[in-house]
Amino acid sequence: MELLAGTGWVDAARGFAGGLRRSAITSTGGLLLVGTPNFEPWHFAAHLSDEAEFAGLPELAPVLVRWQVPAGAPTHLAIPLSRLEVAGRGETLLVVTDEQAPAPLLERAWDARKAGATVLALDAGDDELAGVAHDALELPGGVPDTLSFDTAQHIVSVATGEAPARSVTADGGLADPAAGSGTGRGGSRLRGRLAHLLDRLSGPPPERDW
């Protein structure tokens, strides 16, 4: 955790994760996850599915939307990009990528937003994607190399599994609970899990990938 002290990024990740969790558990149509043609967010899908099981919240388990569906893919891994064309109210669309979102993705995300879907983005710095999303979290610049995009995905998925959903304020915004700020028992548990995670990722490679 010391590696990120002073950057404010972990707190931003907690806030983003709280919004993602709230949106996912209140969505009636589920959580759609999509990347870009050269970046399919397999790791994030796996991490978030694990957190969904850990937290006892199946709503957090995402549906992976794919640009190319290989022949013979199982049903749950055969959701084509055209699925985004019917995304709308009651659904959450999360874009996760470390590269610039291409025009076809931006167009589909914008159409989904206009149709009532909540659009979120985890990226490495894409102004156009951030302009489409209701909320976006980008990998910060000027931080240690330990915070790779894969590490960022780990942190957000852990925070999503731990952080309680943010409540809706009177003006329709999202308010962060005390636990989300790192105080209280929930915040301490989250800090502990994140510290353990960063220790694992900055140490020798594990015997198997998460």
N, C-alpha and C. Protein backbone atom coordinates (compact mmCIF):
# COMPACT_ATOMS: atom_id res chain seq x y z
N MET A 1 0.82 -1.21 0.00
CA MET A 1 0.00 0.00 0.00
C MET A 1 0.86 1.26 0.00
N GLU A 2 2.08 1.15 0.61
CA GLU A 2 2.96 2.31 0.66
C GLU A 2 3.34 2.79 -0.73
N LEU A 3 3.37 1.85 -1.70
CA LEU A 3 3.74 2.21 -3.06
C LEU A 3 2.79 3.24 -3.66
N LEU A 4 1.54 3.21 -3.21
CA LEU A 4 0.52 4.09 -3.77
C LEU A 4 0.14 5.23 -2.83
N ALA A 5 0.83 5.30 -1.69
CA ALA A 5 0.52 6.35 -0.72
C ALA A 5 0.72 7.72 -1.36
N GLY A 6 -0.25 8.59 -1.15
CA GLY A 6 -0.14 9.94 -1.67
C GLY A 6 -0.67 10.12 -3.07
N THR A 7 -0.94 9.02 -3.78
CA THR A 7 -1.45 9.17 -5.15
C THR A 7 -2.95 9.41 -5.17
N GLY A 8 -3.65 8.95 -4.12
CA GLY A 8 -5.10 9.07 -4.08
C GLY A 8 -5.80 8.04 -4.94
N TRP A 9 -5.00 7.19 -5.63
CA TRP A 9 -5.62 6.26 -6.57
C TRP A 9 -6.41 5.15 -5.88
N VAL A 10 -5.92 4.65 -4.76
CA VAL A 10 -6.64 3.59 -4.07
C VAL A 10 -8.01 4.09 -3.60
N ASP A 11 -8.06 5.32 -3.06
CA ASP A 11 -9.35 5.87 -2.66
C ASP A 11 -10.27 6.04 -3.87
N ALA A 12 -9.69 6.47 -5.00
CA ALA A 12 -10.49 6.60 -6.21
C ALA A 12 -11.00 5.25 -6.66
N ALA A 13 -10.15 4.22 -6.53
CA ALA A 13 -10.55 2.86 -6.91
C ALA A 13 -11.68 2.37 -6.01
N ARG A 14 -11.61 2.68 -4.71
CA ARG A 14 -12.69 2.31 -3.79
C ARG A 14 -14.00 2.96 -4.21
N GLY A 15 -13.92 4.26 -4.53
CA GLY A 15 -15.14 4.96 -4.93
C GLY A 15 -15.73 4.37 -6.20
N PHE A 16 -14.87 4.09 -7.18
CA PHE A 16 -15.32 3.50 -8.43
C PHE A 16 -15.92 2.12 -8.17
N ALA A 17 -15.25 1.33 -7.34
CA ALA A 17 -15.73 -0.02 -7.04
C ALA A 17 -17.08 0.02 -6.33
N GLY A 18 -17.26 1.00 -5.43
CA GLY A 18 -18.55 1.12 -4.76
C GLY A 18 -19.67 1.41 -5.74
N GLY A 19 -19.39 2.28 -6.72
CA GLY A 19 -20.40 2.57 -7.73
C GLY A 19 -20.68 1.37 -8.62
N LEU A 20 -19.61 0.63 -8.97
CA LEU A 20 -19.78 -0.58 -9.78
C LEU A 20 -20.61 -1.61 -9.03
N ARG A 21 -20.31 -1.81 -7.76
CA ARG A 21 -21.05 -2.79 -6.97
C ARG A 21 -22.52 -2.40 -6.86
N ARG A 22 -22.77 -1.13 -6.54
CA ARG A 22 -24.16 -0.68 -6.40
C ARG A 22 -24.92 -0.85 -7.72
N SER A 23 -24.29 -0.45 -8.82
CA SER A 23 -24.95 -0.55 -10.11
C SER A 23 -25.24 -2.00 -10.47
N ALA A 24 -24.27 -2.88 -10.21
CA ALA A 24 -24.44 -4.30 -10.56
C ALA A 24 -25.55 -4.96 -9.77
N ILE A 25 -25.59 -4.69 -8.46
CA ILE A 25 -26.58 -5.40 -7.63
C ILE A 25 -27.99 -4.81 -7.77
N THR A 26 -28.09 -3.62 -8.32
CA THR A 26 -29.41 -3.04 -8.54
C THR A 26 -29.88 -3.17 -9.99
N SER A 27 -29.00 -3.63 -10.86
CA SER A 27 -29.37 -3.80 -12.27
C SER A 27 -30.27 -5.02 -12.42
N THR A 28 -31.31 -4.87 -13.20
CA THR A 28 -32.19 -6.00 -13.46
C THR A 28 -31.71 -6.83 -14.64
N GLY A 29 -30.84 -6.25 -15.46
CA GLY A 29 -30.38 -6.96 -16.66
C GLY A 29 -28.98 -7.50 -16.57
N GLY A 30 -28.30 -7.26 -15.45
CA GLY A 30 -26.98 -7.83 -15.27
C GLY A 30 -25.85 -6.89 -15.63
N LEU A 31 -24.63 -7.41 -15.44
CA LEU A 31 -23.41 -6.65 -15.68
C LEU A 31 -22.72 -7.17 -16.94
N LEU A 32 -22.61 -6.33 -17.95
CA LEU A 32 -21.95 -6.67 -19.20
C LEU A 32 -20.52 -6.15 -19.16
N LEU A 33 -19.56 -6.98 -19.52
CA LEU A 33 -18.15 -6.62 -19.51
C LEU A 33 -17.58 -6.76 -20.91
N VAL A 34 -16.91 -5.72 -21.39
CA VAL A 34 -16.35 -5.76 -22.73
C VAL A 34 -15.00 -5.06 -22.77
N GLY A 35 -14.14 -5.52 -23.66
CA GLY A 35 -12.84 -4.88 -23.86
C GLY A 35 -12.77 -4.31 -25.26
N THR A 36 -11.61 -4.41 -25.85
CA THR A 36 -11.37 -3.92 -27.21
C THR A 36 -10.89 -5.09 -28.06
N PRO A 37 -10.81 -4.92 -29.37
CA PRO A 37 -10.43 -6.06 -30.23
C PRO A 37 -9.14 -6.76 -29.82
N ASN A 38 -8.16 -5.99 -29.31
CA ASN A 38 -6.88 -6.59 -28.93
C ASN A 38 -6.73 -6.79 -27.42
N PHE A 39 -7.77 -6.47 -26.67
CA PHE A 39 -7.71 -6.61 -25.21
C PHE A 39 -9.04 -7.16 -24.71
N GLU A 40 -9.09 -8.46 -24.49
CA GLU A 40 -10.28 -9.09 -23.94
C GLU A 40 -10.06 -9.26 -22.44
N PRO A 41 -10.90 -8.65 -21.60
CA PRO A 41 -10.63 -8.63 -20.16
C PRO A 41 -10.94 -9.93 -19.43
N TRP A 42 -10.25 -11.00 -19.83
CA TRP A 42 -10.43 -12.30 -19.19
C TRP A 42 -10.09 -12.24 -17.71
N HIS A 43 -8.96 -11.61 -17.39
CA HIS A 43 -8.52 -11.59 -15.99
C HIS A 43 -9.53 -10.89 -15.10
N PHE A 44 -10.02 -9.74 -15.57
CA PHE A 44 -10.99 -9.01 -14.75
C PHE A 44 -12.27 -9.83 -14.58
N ALA A 45 -12.72 -10.48 -15.64
CA ALA A 45 -13.92 -11.32 -15.55
C ALA A 45 -13.72 -12.41 -14.50
N ALA A 46 -12.54 -13.04 -14.51
CA ALA A 46 -12.26 -14.11 -13.55
C ALA A 46 -12.17 -13.55 -12.14
N HIS A 47 -11.46 -12.42 -11.97
CA HIS A 47 -11.32 -11.83 -10.64
C HIS A 47 -12.68 -11.45 -10.08
N LEU A 48 -13.52 -10.79 -10.89
CA LEU A 48 -14.80 -10.32 -10.40
C LEU A 48 -15.75 -11.49 -10.12
N SER A 49 -15.66 -12.54 -10.91
CA SER A 49 -16.47 -13.73 -10.65
C SER A 49 -16.07 -14.36 -9.31
N ASP A 50 -14.78 -14.38 -9.03
CA ASP A 50 -14.30 -14.89 -7.74
C ASP A 50 -14.83 -14.03 -6.60
N GLU A 51 -14.79 -12.71 -6.78
CA GLU A 51 -15.27 -11.82 -5.74
C GLU A 51 -16.78 -11.96 -5.54
N ALA A 52 -17.51 -12.20 -6.63
CA ALA A 52 -18.95 -12.40 -6.53
C ALA A 52 -19.26 -13.61 -5.66
N GLU A 53 -18.49 -14.67 -5.84
CA GLU A 53 -18.67 -15.88 -5.03
C GLU A 53 -18.26 -15.62 -3.59
N PHE A 54 -17.13 -14.92 -3.40
CA PHE A 54 -16.61 -14.60 -2.08
C PHE A 54 -17.61 -13.76 -1.29
N ALA A 55 -18.23 -12.80 -1.97
CA ALA A 55 -19.16 -11.88 -1.30
C ALA A 55 -20.58 -12.42 -1.24
N GLY A 56 -20.85 -13.52 -1.92
CA GLY A 56 -22.20 -14.05 -1.95
C GLY A 56 -23.14 -13.18 -2.75
N LEU A 57 -22.61 -12.52 -3.78
CA LEU A 57 -23.40 -11.61 -4.61
C LEU A 57 -23.26 -12.03 -6.08
N PRO A 58 -24.08 -12.96 -6.54
CA PRO A 58 -23.97 -13.43 -7.93
C PRO A 58 -24.16 -12.32 -8.95
N GLU A 59 -24.80 -11.21 -8.54
CA GLU A 59 -25.01 -10.10 -9.48
C GLU A 59 -23.69 -9.48 -9.94
N LEU A 60 -22.62 -9.68 -9.16
CA LEU A 60 -21.33 -9.10 -9.53
C LEU A 60 -20.62 -9.90 -10.61
N ALA A 61 -21.04 -11.14 -10.83
CA ALA A 61 -20.40 -11.97 -11.86
C ALA A 61 -20.76 -11.41 -13.24
N PRO A 62 -19.78 -11.01 -14.04
CA PRO A 62 -20.08 -10.35 -15.30
C PRO A 62 -20.37 -11.31 -16.45
N VAL A 63 -21.04 -10.78 -17.45
CA VAL A 63 -21.22 -11.48 -18.73
C VAL A 63 -20.18 -10.91 -19.68
N LEU A 64 -19.26 -11.75 -20.13
CA LEU A 64 -18.19 -11.28 -21.02
C LEU A 64 -18.70 -11.18 -22.45
N VAL A 65 -18.65 -9.96 -22.99
CA VAL A 65 -19.06 -9.71 -24.38
C VAL A 65 -17.80 -9.73 -25.23
N ARG A 66 -17.83 -10.47 -26.36
CA ARG A 66 -16.61 -10.71 -27.13
C ARG A 66 -16.69 -10.15 -28.55
N TRP A 67 -15.58 -9.62 -28.99
CA TRP A 67 -15.51 -9.11 -30.35
C TRP A 67 -15.50 -10.24 -31.36
N GLN A 68 -14.83 -11.33 -31.04
CA GLN A 68 -14.77 -12.50 -31.90
C GLN A 68 -15.12 -13.74 -31.07
N VAL A 69 -16.16 -14.45 -31.46
CA VAL A 69 -16.56 -15.66 -30.74
C VAL A 69 -16.05 -16.87 -31.53
N PRO A 70 -15.11 -17.62 -30.99
CA PRO A 70 -14.59 -18.77 -31.72
C PRO A 70 -15.63 -19.87 -31.86
N ALA A 71 -15.51 -20.64 -32.91
CA ALA A 71 -16.44 -21.75 -33.13
C ALA A 71 -16.34 -22.73 -31.97
N GLY A 72 -17.49 -23.19 -31.53
CA GLY A 72 -17.52 -24.18 -30.47
C GLY A 72 -17.40 -23.61 -29.07
N ALA A 73 -17.40 -22.28 -28.92
CA ALA A 73 -17.31 -21.67 -27.59
C ALA A 73 -18.55 -22.03 -26.78
N PRO A 74 -18.38 -22.31 -25.46
CA PRO A 74 -19.55 -22.60 -24.62
C PRO A 74 -20.47 -21.39 -24.57
N THR A 75 -21.72 -21.64 -24.25
CA THR A 75 -22.75 -20.60 -24.30
C THR A 75 -22.35 -19.34 -23.53
N HIS A 76 -21.82 -19.50 -22.32
CA HIS A 76 -21.51 -18.32 -21.50
C HIS A 76 -20.30 -17.55 -22.02
N LEU A 77 -19.58 -18.13 -22.98
CA LEU A 77 -18.45 -17.44 -23.59
C LEU A 77 -18.70 -17.15 -25.07
N ALA A 78 -19.94 -17.13 -25.44
CA ALA A 78 -20.31 -16.93 -26.85
C ALA A 78 -21.24 -15.73 -27.01
N ILE A 79 -21.05 -14.71 -26.17
CA ILE A 79 -21.88 -13.51 -26.25
C ILE A 79 -21.21 -12.52 -27.20
N PRO A 80 -21.79 -12.27 -28.37
CA PRO A 80 -21.14 -11.41 -29.37
C PRO A 80 -21.32 -9.92 -29.09
N LEU A 81 -20.55 -9.12 -29.80
CA LEU A 81 -20.60 -7.66 -29.63
C LEU A 81 -22.00 -7.11 -29.89
N SER A 82 -22.76 -7.78 -30.73
CA SER A 82 -24.11 -7.31 -31.04
C SER A 82 -24.99 -7.24 -29.79
N ARG A 83 -24.58 -7.92 -28.72
CA ARG A 83 -25.35 -7.86 -27.46
C ARG A 83 -25.45 -6.43 -26.95
N LEU A 84 -24.42 -5.63 -27.23
CA LEU A 84 -24.42 -4.25 -26.76
C LEU A 84 -25.48 -3.41 -27.46
N GLU A 85 -25.90 -3.83 -28.63
CA GLU A 85 -26.87 -3.06 -29.39
C GLU A 85 -28.26 -3.08 -28.75
N VAL A 86 -28.48 -4.05 -27.85
CA VAL A 86 -29.78 -4.12 -27.17
C VAL A 86 -29.64 -3.82 -25.69
N ALA A 87 -28.46 -3.34 -25.27
CA ALA A 87 -28.26 -2.98 -23.86
C ALA A 87 -29.05 -1.71 -23.57
N GLY A 88 -29.65 -1.66 -22.39
CA GLY A 88 -30.45 -0.49 -22.06
C GLY A 88 -30.73 -0.40 -20.57
N ARG A 89 -31.86 0.20 -20.24
CA ARG A 89 -32.21 0.46 -18.85
C ARG A 89 -32.20 -0.83 -18.03
N GLY A 90 -31.66 -0.72 -16.83
CA GLY A 90 -31.59 -1.88 -15.95
C GLY A 90 -30.34 -2.71 -16.14
N GLU A 91 -29.42 -2.26 -17.01
CA GLU A 91 -28.18 -2.99 -17.25
C GLU A 91 -26.98 -2.09 -16.99
N THR A 92 -25.86 -2.72 -16.70
CA THR A 92 -24.62 -1.99 -16.50
C THR A 92 -23.61 -2.49 -17.52
N LEU A 93 -22.96 -1.57 -18.20
CA LEU A 93 -21.93 -1.91 -19.18
C LEU A 93 -20.60 -1.40 -18.65
N LEU A 94 -19.66 -2.32 -18.44
CA LEU A 94 -18.33 -1.96 -17.96
C LEU A 94 -17.31 -2.23 -19.06
N VAL A 95 -16.60 -1.19 -19.46
CA VAL A 95 -15.54 -1.31 -20.47
C VAL A 95 -14.20 -1.36 -19.73
N VAL A 96 -13.43 -2.41 -19.97
CA VAL A 96 -12.12 -2.56 -19.35
C VAL A 96 -11.08 -2.75 -20.44
N THR A 97 -10.14 -1.84 -20.56
CA THR A 97 -9.11 -1.95 -21.60
C THR A 97 -7.93 -1.05 -21.28
N ASP A 98 -6.74 -1.47 -21.73
CA ASP A 98 -5.56 -0.64 -21.56
C ASP A 98 -5.17 0.05 -22.86
N GLU A 99 -6.06 0.02 -23.84
CA GLU A 99 -5.80 0.70 -25.10
C GLU A 99 -6.98 1.59 -25.45
N GLN A 100 -6.82 2.43 -26.45
CA GLN A 100 -7.88 3.35 -26.85
C GLN A 100 -9.10 2.58 -27.37
N ALA A 101 -10.27 2.99 -26.95
CA ALA A 101 -11.49 2.35 -27.42
C ALA A 101 -11.75 2.75 -28.87
N PRO A 102 -12.00 1.79 -29.75
CA PRO A 102 -12.27 2.12 -31.15
C PRO A 102 -13.66 2.72 -31.32
N ALA A 103 -13.86 3.38 -32.43
CA ALA A 103 -15.14 4.06 -32.69
C ALA A 103 -16.35 3.14 -32.56
N PRO A 104 -16.31 1.90 -33.09
CA PRO A 104 -17.49 1.03 -32.94
C PRO A 104 -17.88 0.77 -31.50
N LEU A 105 -16.89 0.67 -30.60
CA LEU A 105 -17.19 0.46 -29.19
C LEU A 105 -17.76 1.72 -28.56
N LEU A 106 -17.17 2.86 -28.88
CA LEU A 106 -17.67 4.13 -28.35
C LEU A 106 -19.11 4.36 -28.78
N GLU A 107 -19.41 4.04 -30.03
CA GLU A 107 -20.77 4.23 -30.54
C GLU A 107 -21.76 3.33 -29.82
N ARG A 108 -21.39 2.07 -29.62
CA ARG A 108 -22.29 1.13 -28.94
C ARG A 108 -22.47 1.51 -27.47
N ALA A 109 -21.38 1.95 -26.83
CA ALA A 109 -21.47 2.36 -25.44
C ALA A 109 -22.36 3.60 -25.31
N TRP A 110 -22.23 4.53 -26.24
CA TRP A 110 -23.05 5.74 -26.19
C TRP A 110 -24.52 5.40 -26.43
N ASP A 111 -24.77 4.51 -27.37
CA ASP A 111 -26.16 4.10 -27.64
C ASP A 111 -26.75 3.41 -26.41
N ALA A 112 -25.94 2.57 -25.73
CA ALA A 112 -26.42 1.89 -24.52
C ALA A 112 -26.73 2.92 -23.44
N ARG A 113 -25.90 3.93 -23.32
CA ARG A 113 -26.14 4.97 -22.32
C ARG A 113 -27.44 5.72 -22.64
N LYS A 114 -27.62 6.08 -23.90
CA LYS A 114 -28.84 6.80 -24.28
C LYS A 114 -30.07 5.94 -24.05
N ALA A 115 -29.91 4.60 -24.13
CA ALA A 115 -31.04 3.70 -23.91
C ALA A 115 -31.29 3.45 -22.43
N GLY A 116 -30.45 4.01 -21.57
CA GLY A 116 -30.69 3.91 -20.13
C GLY A 116 -29.72 3.05 -19.35
N ALA A 117 -28.74 2.43 -20.02
CA ALA A 117 -27.77 1.60 -19.32
C ALA A 117 -26.76 2.50 -18.59
N THR A 118 -26.23 1.97 -17.50
CA THR A 118 -25.15 2.65 -16.79
C THR A 118 -23.83 2.21 -17.42
N VAL A 119 -23.03 3.16 -17.86
CA VAL A 119 -21.77 2.85 -18.53
C VAL A 119 -20.60 3.26 -17.63
N LEU A 120 -19.71 2.31 -17.37
CA LEU A 120 -18.53 2.54 -16.54
C LEU A 120 -17.29 2.13 -17.34
N ALA A 121 -16.15 2.68 -16.96
CA ALA A 121 -14.93 2.36 -17.70
C ALA A 121 -13.73 2.29 -16.76
N LEU A 122 -12.91 1.26 -16.95
CA LEU A 122 -11.61 1.13 -16.29
C LEU A 122 -10.59 1.10 -17.41
N ASP A 123 -9.75 2.13 -17.49
CA ASP A 123 -8.86 2.25 -18.65
C ASP A 123 -7.52 2.85 -18.26
N ALA A 124 -6.66 3.00 -19.25
CA ALA A 124 -5.32 3.53 -19.01
C ALA A 124 -5.21 4.99 -19.42
N GLY A 125 -6.35 5.65 -19.59
CA GLY A 125 -6.35 7.06 -19.96
C GLY A 125 -6.90 7.27 -21.35
N ASP A 126 -8.23 7.28 -21.47
CA ASP A 126 -8.90 7.43 -22.76
C ASP A 126 -9.98 8.49 -22.58
N ASP A 127 -9.70 9.71 -23.02
CA ASP A 127 -10.62 10.82 -22.81
C ASP A 127 -11.97 10.60 -23.49
N GLU A 128 -11.94 10.00 -24.68
CA GLU A 128 -13.20 9.77 -25.39
C GLU A 128 -14.07 8.76 -24.66
N LEU A 129 -13.45 7.70 -24.16
CA LEU A 129 -14.20 6.70 -23.41
C LEU A 129 -14.73 7.31 -22.11
N ALA A 130 -13.91 8.10 -21.44
CA ALA A 130 -14.35 8.76 -20.21
C ALA A 130 -15.53 9.68 -20.47
N GLY A 131 -15.56 10.28 -21.66
CA GLY A 131 -16.66 11.17 -22.01
C GLY A 131 -17.97 10.45 -22.22
N VAL A 132 -17.89 9.17 -22.57
CA VAL A 132 -19.09 8.37 -22.77
C VAL A 132 -19.59 7.78 -21.45
N ALA A 133 -18.66 7.42 -20.58
CA ALA A 133 -19.01 6.72 -19.34
C ALA A 133 -19.61 7.65 -18.28
N HIS A 134 -20.49 7.09 -17.46
CA HIS A 134 -20.99 7.82 -16.31
C HIS A 134 -19.89 8.00 -15.27
N ASP A 135 -19.02 7.01 -15.16
CA ASP A 135 -17.90 7.07 -14.22
C ASP A 135 -16.74 6.30 -14.83
N ALA A 136 -15.54 6.85 -14.74
CA ALA A 136 -14.36 6.19 -15.31
C ALA A 136 -13.20 6.28 -14.34
N LEU A 137 -12.43 5.21 -14.28
CA LEU A 137 -11.22 5.16 -13.45
C LEU A 137 -10.06 4.82 -14.37
N GLU A 138 -9.04 5.65 -14.36
CA GLU A 138 -7.88 5.37 -15.21
C GLU A 138 -6.65 5.09 -14.37
N LEU A 139 -5.76 4.31 -14.95
CA LEU A 139 -4.49 4.01 -14.30
C LEU A 139 -3.71 5.32 -14.18
N PRO A 140 -3.29 5.68 -12.97
CA PRO A 140 -2.63 6.98 -12.81
C PRO A 140 -1.21 6.98 -13.34
N GLY A 141 -0.78 8.12 -13.76
CA GLY A 141 0.60 8.26 -14.20
C GLY A 141 1.51 8.59 -13.03
N GLY A 142 2.80 8.38 -13.20
CA GLY A 142 3.76 8.74 -12.18
C GLY A 142 3.74 7.87 -10.94
N VAL A 143 3.33 6.60 -11.09
CA VAL A 143 3.33 5.68 -9.95
C VAL A 143 4.29 4.54 -10.23
N PRO A 144 4.68 3.78 -9.21
CA PRO A 144 5.63 2.68 -9.43
C PRO A 144 5.14 1.69 -10.48
N ASP A 145 6.10 1.04 -11.12
CA ASP A 145 5.77 0.07 -12.17
C ASP A 145 4.92 -1.08 -11.64
N THR A 146 4.93 -1.28 -10.31
CA THR A 146 4.13 -2.36 -9.71
C THR A 146 2.67 -2.22 -10.08
N LEU A 147 2.20 -0.97 -10.23
CA LEU A 147 0.80 -0.77 -10.56
C LEU A 147 0.62 -0.89 -12.06
N SER A 148 0.69 -2.10 -12.56
CA SER A 148 0.40 -2.37 -13.96
C SER A 148 -1.11 -2.36 -14.13
N PHE A 149 -1.55 -2.44 -15.37
CA PHE A 149 -2.99 -2.46 -15.60
C PHE A 149 -3.61 -3.72 -15.02
N ASP A 150 -2.88 -4.83 -15.06
CA ASP A 150 -3.40 -6.06 -14.48
C ASP A 150 -3.54 -5.92 -12.97
N THR A 151 -2.57 -5.27 -12.32
CA THR A 151 -2.66 -5.02 -10.88
C THR A 151 -3.86 -4.14 -10.57
N ALA A 152 -4.08 -3.12 -11.40
CA ALA A 152 -5.23 -2.24 -11.19
C ALA A 152 -6.53 -3.02 -11.26
N GLN A 153 -6.61 -3.97 -12.19
CA GLN A 153 -7.82 -4.79 -12.28
C GLN A 153 -8.02 -5.62 -11.01
N HIS A 154 -6.93 -6.17 -10.48
CA HIS A 154 -7.01 -6.91 -9.22
C HIS A 154 -7.58 -6.02 -8.11
N ILE A 155 -7.02 -4.83 -7.99
CA ILE A 155 -7.42 -3.92 -6.91
C ILE A 155 -8.90 -3.57 -7.01
N VAL A 156 -9.35 -3.22 -8.21
CA VAL A 156 -10.75 -2.84 -8.38
C VAL A 156 -11.68 -4.01 -8.10
N SER A 157 -11.32 -5.21 -8.54
CA SER A 157 -12.19 -6.36 -8.31
C SER A 157 -12.27 -6.67 -6.81
N VAL A 158 -11.14 -6.60 -6.10
CA VAL A 158 -11.14 -6.82 -4.65
C VAL A 158 -12.01 -5.77 -3.96
N ALA A 159 -11.84 -4.51 -4.34
CA ALA A 159 -12.61 -3.44 -3.72
C ALA A 159 -14.09 -3.58 -4.02
N THR A 160 -14.43 -4.07 -5.21
CA THR A 160 -15.84 -4.26 -5.55
C THR A 160 -16.46 -5.34 -4.68
N GLY A 161 -15.71 -6.39 -4.40
CA GLY A 161 -16.22 -7.45 -3.54
C GLY A 161 -16.36 -7.04 -2.10
N GLU A 162 -15.54 -6.08 -1.64
CA GLU A 162 -15.52 -5.68 -0.24
C GLU A 162 -16.38 -4.47 0.05
N ALA A 163 -16.32 -3.46 -0.82
CA ALA A 163 -16.94 -2.17 -0.51
C ALA A 163 -18.45 -2.23 -0.59
N PRO A 164 -19.16 -1.70 0.42
CA PRO A 164 -20.61 -1.63 0.32
C PRO A 164 -21.00 -0.66 -0.77
N ALA A 165 -22.19 -0.87 -1.35
CA ALA A 165 -22.66 0.02 -2.40
C ALA A 165 -22.84 1.43 -1.87
N ARG A 166 -22.53 2.42 -2.67
CA ARG A 166 -22.74 3.80 -2.27
C ARG A 166 -24.22 4.13 -2.33
N SER A 167 -24.68 4.90 -1.37
CA SER A 167 -26.08 5.27 -1.33
C SER A 167 -26.36 6.44 -2.26
N VAL A 168 -27.61 6.61 -2.63
CA VAL A 168 -28.01 7.70 -3.51
C VAL A 168 -28.35 8.93 -2.67
N THR A 169 -27.77 10.07 -3.00
CA THR A 169 -28.03 11.30 -2.26
C THR A 169 -29.30 11.95 -2.78
N ALA A 170 -29.73 13.02 -2.11
CA ALA A 170 -30.98 13.68 -2.47
C ALA A 170 -30.95 14.25 -3.88
N ASP A 171 -29.75 14.64 -4.34
CA ASP A 171 -29.65 15.22 -5.67
C ASP A 171 -29.37 14.18 -6.75
N GLY A 172 -29.47 12.90 -6.38
CA GLY A 172 -29.29 11.83 -7.35
C GLY A 172 -27.86 11.37 -7.50
N GLY A 173 -26.93 11.95 -6.72
CA GLY A 173 -25.54 11.53 -6.79
C GLY A 173 -25.29 10.31 -5.93
N LEU A 174 -24.02 9.89 -5.89
CA LEU A 174 -23.64 8.72 -5.09
C LEU A 174 -22.79 9.18 -3.92
N ALA A 175 -23.19 8.76 -2.71
CA ALA A 175 -22.45 9.13 -1.51
C ALA A 175 -21.61 7.96 -1.04
N ASP A 176 -20.37 8.23 -0.68
CA ASP A 176 -19.49 7.17 -0.18
C ASP A 176 -19.76 6.92 1.29
N PRO A 177 -19.95 5.65 1.69
CA PRO A 177 -20.11 5.34 3.10
C PRO A 177 -18.76 5.43 3.80
N ALA A 178 -18.78 5.40 5.13
CA ALA A 178 -17.54 5.52 5.89
C ALA A 178 -16.56 4.42 5.55
N ALA A 179 -17.08 3.20 5.32
CA ALA A 179 -16.18 2.08 5.02
C ALA A 179 -15.43 2.33 3.73
N GLY A 180 -16.05 3.02 2.80
CA GLY A 180 -15.41 3.27 1.53
C GLY A 180 -14.20 4.18 1.64
N SER A 181 -14.15 4.97 2.73
CA SER A 181 -13.02 5.87 2.89
C SER A 181 -11.86 5.23 3.61
N GLY A 182 -12.03 3.96 3.99
CA GLY A 182 -10.94 3.26 4.64
C GLY A 182 -11.02 3.30 6.15
N THR A 183 -12.12 3.83 6.72
CA THR A 183 -12.29 3.85 8.15
C THR A 183 -13.24 2.76 8.58
N GLY A 184 -13.16 2.39 9.85
CA GLY A 184 -14.08 1.37 10.34
C GLY A 184 -13.60 -0.02 9.99
N ARG A 185 -14.36 -1.03 10.47
CA ARG A 185 -13.97 -2.42 10.29
C ARG A 185 -13.91 -2.82 8.82
N GLY A 186 -14.92 -2.40 8.02
CA GLY A 186 -14.93 -2.76 6.61
C GLY A 186 -13.74 -2.18 5.87
N GLY A 187 -13.40 -0.89 6.17
CA GLY A 187 -12.27 -0.27 5.52
C GLY A 187 -10.96 -0.93 5.89
N SER A 188 -10.82 -1.34 7.17
CA SER A 188 -9.59 -2.01 7.60
C SER A 188 -9.42 -3.35 6.90
N ARG A 189 -10.52 -4.09 6.76
CA ARG A 189 -10.45 -5.38 6.08
C ARG A 189 -10.04 -5.20 4.63
N LEU A 190 -10.59 -4.19 3.99
CA LEU A 190 -10.25 -3.92 2.59
C LEU A 190 -8.78 -3.53 2.47
N ARG A 191 -8.30 -2.67 3.37
CA ARG A 191 -6.90 -2.27 3.32
C ARG A 191 -6.00 -3.48 3.49
N GLY A 192 -6.39 -4.40 4.37
CA GLY A 192 -5.59 -5.61 4.58
C GLY A 192 -5.54 -6.48 3.34
N ARG A 193 -6.67 -6.66 2.68
CA ARG A 193 -6.71 -7.48 1.47
C ARG A 193 -5.91 -6.83 0.35
N LEU A 194 -6.01 -5.51 0.22
CA LEU A 194 -5.27 -4.82 -0.83
C LEU A 194 -3.77 -4.89 -0.56
N ALA A 195 -3.37 -4.74 0.71
CA ALA A 195 -1.96 -4.82 1.05
C ALA A 195 -1.42 -6.22 0.74
N HIS A 196 -2.20 -7.24 1.09
CA HIS A 196 -1.78 -8.62 0.81
C HIS A 196 -1.68 -8.84 -0.70
N LEU A 197 -2.63 -8.29 -1.43
CA LEU A 197 -2.63 -8.43 -2.88
C LEU A 197 -1.39 -7.80 -3.49
N LEU A 198 -1.06 -6.58 -3.07
CA LEU A 198 0.10 -5.89 -3.63
C LEU A 198 1.39 -6.61 -3.26
N ASP A 199 1.44 -7.20 -2.06
CA ASP A 199 2.62 -7.98 -1.67
C ASP A 199 2.79 -9.17 -2.60
N ARG A 200 1.69 -9.84 -2.92
CA ARG A 200 1.75 -11.00 -3.81
C ARG A 200 2.21 -10.60 -5.20
N LEU A 201 1.65 -9.48 -5.69
CA LEU A 201 1.94 -9.08 -7.06
C LEU A 201 3.34 -8.50 -7.22
N SER A 202 3.91 -7.97 -6.13
CA SER A 202 5.25 -7.40 -6.22
C SER A 202 6.33 -8.41 -5.84
N GLY A 203 5.92 -9.59 -5.37
CA GLY A 203 6.86 -10.63 -4.98
C GLY A 203 7.06 -11.63 -6.09
N PRO A 204 7.63 -12.81 -5.76
CA PRO A 204 7.86 -13.84 -6.76
C PRO A 204 6.55 -14.31 -7.37
N PRO A 205 6.53 -14.75 -8.62
CA PRO A 205 5.30 -15.20 -9.27
C PRO A 205 4.71 -16.39 -8.51
N PRO A 206 3.37 -16.41 -8.34
CA PRO A 206 2.73 -17.55 -7.68
C PRO A 206 2.79 -18.76 -8.55
N GLU A 207 2.48 -19.91 -7.99
CA GLU A 207 2.53 -21.16 -8.76
C GLU A 207 1.46 -21.21 -9.82
N ARG A 208 0.36 -20.51 -9.58
CA ARG A 208 -0.69 -20.46 -10.60
C ARG A 208 -1.28 -19.07 -10.62
N ASP A 209 -1.77 -18.67 -11.76
CA ASP A 209 -2.38 -17.34 -11.89
C ASP A 209 -3.74 -17.36 -11.23
N TRP A 210 -4.17 -16.15 -10.74
CA TRP A 210 -5.52 -16.03 -10.19
C TRP A 210 -6.53 -16.31 -11.28
